[in-house]
Amino acid sequence: MQTFPMSAEPLIGNPTVALSNGYTSVIPQYEMLSQERGVDSEGKYVVTNSRRLIAAVGTGLTDYGVDVSLLGGVFLSQNYLVVDYAKNKFSLTPAVIGTVNRVSEDLRTVCENSINPASPTTALA
């Protein structure tokens, strides 16, 4: 767990994730940071230190031993993940969450093809 003093909050900003195909996603600071939290003596999840910030970013080892940052739910809070198992393909599109960095995302079509539903069968009398 990584914590920061409250004075560091203005330095963190809204990180942008840029993928190699040109897709970008901005993670708003309010999704990344909160006051330091933990479990109290009654087992409740509470603020344990209101003078420190905790970042919702973890780390993990890749299969070749390099430590990388993990955004997980923080990244997916700003993106829709569409998985097509039949085609072994996934895609991302911006989630409609409001304005970040003074930019508001518009709804976009994410389906490639429309599929016509089968004709309804006529019940036999």
N, C-alpha and C. Protein backbone atom coordinates (compact mmCIF):
# COMPACT_ATOMS: atom_id res chain seq x y z
N MET A 1 0.84 -1.17 0.00
CA MET A 1 0.00 0.00 0.00
C MET A 1 0.89 1.24 0.00
N GLN A 2 0.57 2.16 -0.88
CA GLN A 2 1.36 3.38 -0.97
C GLN A 2 0.53 4.55 -0.45
N THR A 3 1.07 5.30 0.51
CA THR A 3 0.37 6.47 1.04
C THR A 3 1.20 7.72 0.81
N PHE A 4 0.52 8.86 0.82
CA PHE A 4 1.15 10.14 0.56
C PHE A 4 0.64 11.16 1.57
N PRO A 5 1.44 12.19 1.88
CA PRO A 5 0.91 13.27 2.71
C PRO A 5 -0.13 14.05 1.92
N MET A 6 -1.08 14.65 2.61
CA MET A 6 -2.12 15.45 1.94
C MET A 6 -1.53 16.53 1.04
N SER A 7 -0.36 17.04 1.40
CA SER A 7 0.27 18.10 0.61
C SER A 7 0.65 17.63 -0.79
N ALA A 8 0.72 16.31 -1.02
CA ALA A 8 1.08 15.78 -2.34
C ALA A 8 -0.11 15.69 -3.29
N GLU A 9 -1.32 15.90 -2.79
CA GLU A 9 -2.52 15.74 -3.63
C GLU A 9 -2.47 16.54 -4.93
N PRO A 10 -2.07 17.83 -4.92
CA PRO A 10 -2.03 18.58 -6.17
C PRO A 10 -1.02 18.04 -7.18
N LEU A 11 -0.03 17.29 -6.73
CA LEU A 11 1.01 16.77 -7.63
C LEU A 11 0.55 15.55 -8.42
N ILE A 12 -0.49 14.88 -7.96
CA ILE A 12 -0.89 13.62 -8.57
C ILE A 12 -1.73 13.83 -9.83
N GLY A 13 -2.62 14.77 -9.85
CA GLY A 13 -3.37 15.11 -11.06
C GLY A 13 -4.26 13.99 -11.56
N ASN A 14 -4.55 14.01 -12.87
CA ASN A 14 -5.39 13.03 -13.54
C ASN A 14 -4.53 12.25 -14.54
N PRO A 15 -3.99 11.09 -14.16
CA PRO A 15 -3.11 10.35 -15.07
C PRO A 15 -3.83 9.91 -16.35
N THR A 16 -3.10 9.91 -17.45
CA THR A 16 -3.62 9.44 -18.73
C THR A 16 -2.93 8.14 -19.09
N VAL A 17 -3.73 7.13 -19.42
CA VAL A 17 -3.21 5.85 -19.89
C VAL A 17 -3.32 5.87 -21.41
N ALA A 18 -2.21 5.66 -22.11
CA ALA A 18 -2.20 5.65 -23.57
C ALA A 18 -1.75 4.27 -24.05
N LEU A 19 -2.59 3.61 -24.83
CA LEU A 19 -2.24 2.30 -25.38
C LEU A 19 -1.58 2.46 -26.74
N SER A 20 -0.89 1.43 -27.20
CA SER A 20 -0.11 1.52 -28.44
C SER A 20 -0.97 1.76 -29.67
N ASN A 21 -2.26 1.44 -29.62
CA ASN A 21 -3.12 1.67 -30.79
C ASN A 21 -3.73 3.07 -30.81
N GLY A 22 -3.33 3.93 -29.86
CA GLY A 22 -3.82 5.30 -29.83
C GLY A 22 -4.97 5.54 -28.86
N TYR A 23 -5.53 4.48 -28.29
CA TYR A 23 -6.63 4.63 -27.33
C TYR A 23 -6.08 5.27 -26.06
N THR A 24 -6.76 6.29 -25.55
CA THR A 24 -6.34 6.92 -24.31
C THR A 24 -7.49 6.97 -23.32
N SER A 25 -7.15 6.97 -22.07
CA SER A 25 -8.14 7.04 -21.00
C SER A 25 -7.56 7.88 -19.87
N VAL A 26 -8.34 8.84 -19.40
CA VAL A 26 -7.93 9.69 -18.29
C VAL A 26 -8.57 9.16 -17.01
N ILE A 27 -7.75 8.95 -15.99
CA ILE A 27 -8.23 8.48 -14.69
C ILE A 27 -8.33 9.71 -13.79
N PRO A 28 -9.55 10.09 -13.38
CA PRO A 28 -9.66 11.28 -12.53
C PRO A 28 -9.07 11.05 -11.15
N GLN A 29 -8.52 12.11 -10.61
CA GLN A 29 -7.87 12.02 -9.30
C GLN A 29 -8.81 11.47 -8.23
N TYR A 30 -10.10 11.82 -8.30
CA TYR A 30 -11.03 11.35 -7.27
C TYR A 30 -11.21 9.83 -7.30
N GLU A 31 -10.89 9.17 -8.42
CA GLU A 31 -10.93 7.71 -8.48
C GLU A 31 -9.63 7.09 -7.95
N MET A 32 -8.55 7.86 -8.03
CA MET A 32 -7.23 7.35 -7.65
C MET A 32 -6.94 7.47 -6.16
N LEU A 33 -7.44 8.53 -5.53
CA LEU A 33 -7.03 8.86 -4.17
C LEU A 33 -8.19 8.86 -3.19
N SER A 34 -7.88 8.50 -1.97
CA SER A 34 -8.82 8.67 -0.86
C SER A 34 -8.00 8.80 0.42
N GLN A 35 -8.66 9.15 1.51
CA GLN A 35 -7.95 9.20 2.78
C GLN A 35 -7.53 7.78 3.14
N GLU A 36 -6.43 7.67 3.88
CA GLU A 36 -5.92 6.35 4.25
C GLU A 36 -6.99 5.58 5.02
N ARG A 37 -7.23 4.35 4.58
CA ARG A 37 -8.29 3.53 5.17
C ARG A 37 -7.75 2.19 5.63
N GLY A 38 -8.50 1.59 6.51
CA GLY A 38 -8.14 0.27 7.02
C GLY A 38 -9.27 -0.25 7.88
N VAL A 39 -9.00 -1.29 8.63
CA VAL A 39 -10.01 -1.93 9.47
C VAL A 39 -9.81 -1.49 10.92
N ASP A 40 -10.91 -1.08 11.57
CA ASP A 40 -10.81 -0.67 12.97
C ASP A 40 -10.96 -1.88 13.90
N SER A 41 -10.98 -1.63 15.20
CA SER A 41 -11.03 -2.71 16.19
C SER A 41 -12.34 -3.50 16.14
N GLU A 42 -13.37 -2.94 15.50
CA GLU A 42 -14.64 -3.66 15.35
C GLU A 42 -14.75 -4.35 14.00
N GLY A 43 -13.70 -4.29 13.21
CA GLY A 43 -13.70 -4.94 11.91
C GLY A 43 -14.35 -4.12 10.81
N LYS A 44 -14.61 -2.86 11.05
CA LYS A 44 -15.24 -1.98 10.06
C LYS A 44 -14.16 -1.30 9.22
N TYR A 45 -14.46 -1.10 7.94
CA TYR A 45 -13.57 -0.40 7.02
C TYR A 45 -13.77 1.10 7.23
N VAL A 46 -12.75 1.78 7.74
CA VAL A 46 -12.88 3.19 8.13
C VAL A 46 -11.65 3.99 7.71
N VAL A 47 -11.75 5.31 7.77
CA VAL A 47 -10.59 6.18 7.60
C VAL A 47 -9.71 6.01 8.83
N THR A 48 -8.45 5.63 8.61
CA THR A 48 -7.53 5.41 9.74
C THR A 48 -6.57 6.57 9.94
N ASN A 49 -6.37 7.38 8.88
CA ASN A 49 -5.47 8.53 8.99
C ASN A 49 -5.94 9.58 8.00
N SER A 50 -6.63 10.59 8.48
CA SER A 50 -7.19 11.62 7.60
C SER A 50 -6.13 12.61 7.10
N ARG A 51 -4.89 12.49 7.56
CA ARG A 51 -3.81 13.37 7.10
C ARG A 51 -2.98 12.74 5.99
N ARG A 52 -3.34 11.51 5.60
CA ARG A 52 -2.59 10.84 4.54
C ARG A 52 -3.54 10.34 3.47
N LEU A 53 -3.05 10.30 2.23
CA LEU A 53 -3.81 9.79 1.09
C LEU A 53 -3.33 8.40 0.74
N ILE A 54 -4.23 7.60 0.25
CA ILE A 54 -3.87 6.28 -0.25
C ILE A 54 -4.22 6.23 -1.74
N ALA A 55 -3.33 5.67 -2.52
CA ALA A 55 -3.56 5.55 -3.97
C ALA A 55 -4.13 4.18 -4.29
N ALA A 56 -5.14 4.16 -5.15
CA ALA A 56 -5.80 2.91 -5.54
C ALA A 56 -5.04 2.27 -6.71
N VAL A 57 -3.76 2.10 -6.53
CA VAL A 57 -2.90 1.50 -7.54
C VAL A 57 -2.07 0.44 -6.85
N GLY A 58 -2.03 -0.73 -7.43
CA GLY A 58 -1.21 -1.79 -6.87
C GLY A 58 -0.03 -2.08 -7.78
N THR A 59 0.77 -3.05 -7.42
CA THR A 59 1.86 -3.50 -8.27
C THR A 59 1.83 -5.02 -8.33
N GLY A 60 2.39 -5.55 -9.38
CA GLY A 60 2.46 -6.99 -9.54
C GLY A 60 3.56 -7.36 -10.51
N LEU A 61 4.02 -8.58 -10.42
CA LEU A 61 5.08 -9.06 -11.30
C LEU A 61 4.49 -9.60 -12.59
N THR A 62 5.14 -9.27 -13.70
CA THR A 62 4.76 -9.88 -14.97
C THR A 62 5.32 -11.29 -15.01
N ASP A 63 4.96 -12.04 -16.02
CA ASP A 63 5.47 -13.41 -16.12
C ASP A 63 6.97 -13.46 -16.40
N TYR A 64 7.57 -12.32 -16.76
CA TYR A 64 9.02 -12.28 -16.95
C TYR A 64 9.72 -11.51 -15.84
N GLY A 65 9.04 -11.34 -14.68
CA GLY A 65 9.69 -10.82 -13.48
C GLY A 65 9.79 -9.33 -13.32
N VAL A 66 9.14 -8.55 -14.17
CA VAL A 66 9.20 -7.09 -14.05
C VAL A 66 7.99 -6.61 -13.25
N ASP A 67 8.23 -5.73 -12.29
CA ASP A 67 7.17 -5.17 -11.46
C ASP A 67 6.46 -4.06 -12.23
N VAL A 68 5.13 -4.16 -12.38
CA VAL A 68 4.36 -3.15 -13.11
C VAL A 68 3.22 -2.62 -12.25
N SER A 69 2.75 -1.43 -12.58
CA SER A 69 1.59 -0.85 -11.89
C SER A 69 0.32 -1.53 -12.36
N LEU A 70 -0.60 -1.74 -11.43
CA LEU A 70 -1.89 -2.35 -11.74
C LEU A 70 -2.99 -1.35 -11.41
N LEU A 71 -3.80 -1.00 -12.39
CA LEU A 71 -4.87 -0.05 -12.17
C LEU A 71 -6.21 -0.74 -11.90
N GLY A 72 -6.43 -1.90 -12.48
CA GLY A 72 -7.64 -2.69 -12.23
C GLY A 72 -8.92 -1.90 -12.28
N GLY A 73 -9.65 -1.90 -11.15
CA GLY A 73 -10.95 -1.25 -11.08
C GLY A 73 -10.90 0.24 -11.34
N VAL A 74 -9.77 0.88 -11.02
CA VAL A 74 -9.63 2.32 -11.27
C VAL A 74 -9.68 2.58 -12.77
N PHE A 75 -9.01 1.75 -13.55
CA PHE A 75 -9.03 1.89 -15.01
C PHE A 75 -10.42 1.55 -15.55
N LEU A 76 -11.00 0.46 -15.06
CA LEU A 76 -12.31 0.04 -15.57
C LEU A 76 -13.44 0.95 -15.10
N SER A 77 -13.20 1.80 -14.12
CA SER A 77 -14.23 2.77 -13.73
C SER A 77 -14.42 3.83 -14.81
N GLN A 78 -13.47 3.94 -15.73
CA GLN A 78 -13.52 4.95 -16.79
C GLN A 78 -13.71 4.35 -18.18
N ASN A 79 -13.79 3.03 -18.28
CA ASN A 79 -13.87 2.36 -19.57
C ASN A 79 -14.83 1.19 -19.51
N TYR A 80 -15.48 0.94 -20.64
CA TYR A 80 -16.26 -0.28 -20.78
C TYR A 80 -15.37 -1.30 -21.47
N LEU A 81 -15.32 -2.50 -20.94
CA LEU A 81 -14.57 -3.59 -21.54
C LEU A 81 -15.58 -4.51 -22.22
N VAL A 82 -15.44 -4.68 -23.53
CA VAL A 82 -16.33 -5.53 -24.32
C VAL A 82 -15.53 -6.75 -24.74
N VAL A 83 -16.02 -7.94 -24.42
CA VAL A 83 -15.32 -9.18 -24.74
C VAL A 83 -16.17 -10.00 -25.69
N ASP A 84 -15.58 -10.38 -26.83
CA ASP A 84 -16.23 -11.27 -27.79
C ASP A 84 -15.46 -12.59 -27.75
N TYR A 85 -15.97 -13.52 -26.97
CA TYR A 85 -15.28 -14.80 -26.80
C TYR A 85 -15.22 -15.59 -28.10
N ALA A 86 -16.28 -15.52 -28.91
CA ALA A 86 -16.31 -16.27 -30.16
C ALA A 86 -15.19 -15.84 -31.11
N LYS A 87 -14.88 -14.56 -31.13
CA LYS A 87 -13.82 -14.04 -32.00
C LYS A 87 -12.48 -13.93 -31.28
N ASN A 88 -12.45 -14.29 -29.98
CA ASN A 88 -11.23 -14.17 -29.19
C ASN A 88 -10.69 -12.74 -29.25
N LYS A 89 -11.59 -11.77 -29.00
CA LYS A 89 -11.25 -10.37 -29.17
C LYS A 89 -11.85 -9.55 -28.02
N PHE A 90 -11.15 -8.51 -27.61
CA PHE A 90 -11.73 -7.58 -26.66
C PHE A 90 -11.52 -6.16 -27.16
N SER A 91 -12.35 -5.26 -26.67
CA SER A 91 -12.19 -3.85 -27.04
C SER A 91 -12.58 -2.98 -25.85
N LEU A 92 -12.15 -1.74 -25.91
CA LEU A 92 -12.44 -0.77 -24.86
C LEU A 92 -13.15 0.43 -25.47
N THR A 93 -14.01 1.03 -24.70
CA THR A 93 -14.64 2.28 -25.10
C THR A 93 -14.81 3.12 -23.84
N PRO A 94 -14.76 4.45 -23.97
CA PRO A 94 -14.87 5.28 -22.77
C PRO A 94 -16.21 5.11 -22.07
N ALA A 95 -16.18 5.02 -20.76
CA ALA A 95 -17.41 5.02 -19.97
C ALA A 95 -17.94 6.45 -19.92
N VAL A 96 -19.23 6.59 -19.87
CA VAL A 96 -19.83 7.92 -19.79
C VAL A 96 -19.99 8.24 -18.31
N ILE A 97 -19.06 9.01 -17.77
CA ILE A 97 -19.03 9.27 -16.33
C ILE A 97 -19.12 10.75 -15.99
N GLY A 98 -19.09 11.61 -16.97
CA GLY A 98 -19.10 13.04 -16.70
C GLY A 98 -17.88 13.70 -17.31
N THR A 99 -17.50 14.82 -16.77
CA THR A 99 -16.40 15.61 -17.32
C THR A 99 -15.11 15.36 -16.54
N VAL A 100 -14.03 15.08 -17.27
CA VAL A 100 -12.70 14.92 -16.69
C VAL A 100 -11.76 15.79 -17.52
N ASN A 101 -10.93 16.56 -16.86
CA ASN A 101 -10.02 17.49 -17.56
C ASN A 101 -10.78 18.39 -18.52
N ARG A 102 -11.97 18.82 -18.10
CA ARG A 102 -12.84 19.71 -18.89
C ARG A 102 -13.29 19.11 -20.21
N VAL A 103 -13.25 17.77 -20.34
CA VAL A 103 -13.72 17.09 -21.54
C VAL A 103 -14.81 16.11 -21.14
N SER A 104 -15.91 16.13 -21.87
CA SER A 104 -17.01 15.21 -21.61
C SER A 104 -17.11 14.23 -22.77
N GLU A 105 -17.13 12.94 -22.46
CA GLU A 105 -17.22 11.92 -23.50
C GLU A 105 -18.65 11.79 -24.00
N ASP A 106 -18.81 11.54 -25.29
CA ASP A 106 -20.11 11.28 -25.87
C ASP A 106 -20.31 9.78 -25.99
N LEU A 107 -21.57 9.37 -26.03
CA LEU A 107 -21.87 7.96 -26.26
C LEU A 107 -21.38 7.56 -27.65
N ARG A 108 -20.87 6.35 -27.76
CA ARG A 108 -20.39 5.84 -29.05
C ARG A 108 -20.92 4.44 -29.25
N THR A 109 -21.13 4.07 -30.50
CA THR A 109 -21.53 2.71 -30.81
C THR A 109 -20.32 1.81 -30.68
N VAL A 110 -20.48 0.67 -30.01
CA VAL A 110 -19.36 -0.23 -29.84
C VAL A 110 -19.57 -1.57 -30.53
N CYS A 111 -20.78 -1.82 -31.05
CA CYS A 111 -21.05 -3.09 -31.73
C CYS A 111 -20.62 -2.98 -33.19
N GLU A 112 -19.97 -4.01 -33.70
CA GLU A 112 -19.52 -3.97 -35.08
C GLU A 112 -20.63 -4.30 -36.06
N ASN A 113 -21.42 -5.30 -35.78
CA ASN A 113 -22.48 -5.75 -36.67
C ASN A 113 -23.77 -5.88 -35.90
N SER A 114 -24.87 -5.65 -36.59
CA SER A 114 -26.15 -5.93 -35.94
C SER A 114 -26.57 -7.33 -36.37
N ILE A 115 -27.22 -8.01 -35.47
CA ILE A 115 -27.68 -9.37 -35.76
C ILE A 115 -29.20 -9.32 -35.80
N ASN A 116 -29.77 -9.76 -36.91
CA ASN A 116 -31.22 -9.78 -37.02
C ASN A 116 -31.77 -10.92 -36.20
N PRO A 117 -32.76 -10.64 -35.35
CA PRO A 117 -33.33 -11.74 -34.56
C PRO A 117 -34.10 -12.70 -35.45
N ALA A 118 -34.16 -13.93 -35.02
CA ALA A 118 -34.91 -14.94 -35.77
C ALA A 118 -36.38 -14.56 -35.80
N SER A 119 -37.05 -14.94 -36.89
CA SER A 119 -38.49 -14.66 -37.00
C SER A 119 -39.23 -15.43 -35.94
N PRO A 120 -40.25 -14.80 -35.35
CA PRO A 120 -41.03 -15.53 -34.35
C PRO A 120 -41.80 -16.67 -35.01
N THR A 121 -41.92 -17.76 -34.30
CA THR A 121 -42.66 -18.89 -34.85
C THR A 121 -44.14 -18.71 -34.55
N THR A 122 -44.95 -19.17 -35.46
CA THR A 122 -46.39 -19.07 -35.29
C THR A 122 -46.87 -20.28 -34.51
N ALA A 123 -47.62 -20.02 -33.47
CA ALA A 123 -48.15 -21.12 -32.65
C ALA A 123 -49.19 -21.88 -33.45
N LEU A 124 -49.17 -23.18 -33.33
CA LEU A 124 -50.16 -24.01 -34.02
C LEU A 124 -51.48 -23.95 -33.27
N ALA A 125 -52.59 -23.82 -34.02
CA ALA A 125 -53.91 -23.76 -33.38
C ALA A 125 -54.50 -25.14 -33.23
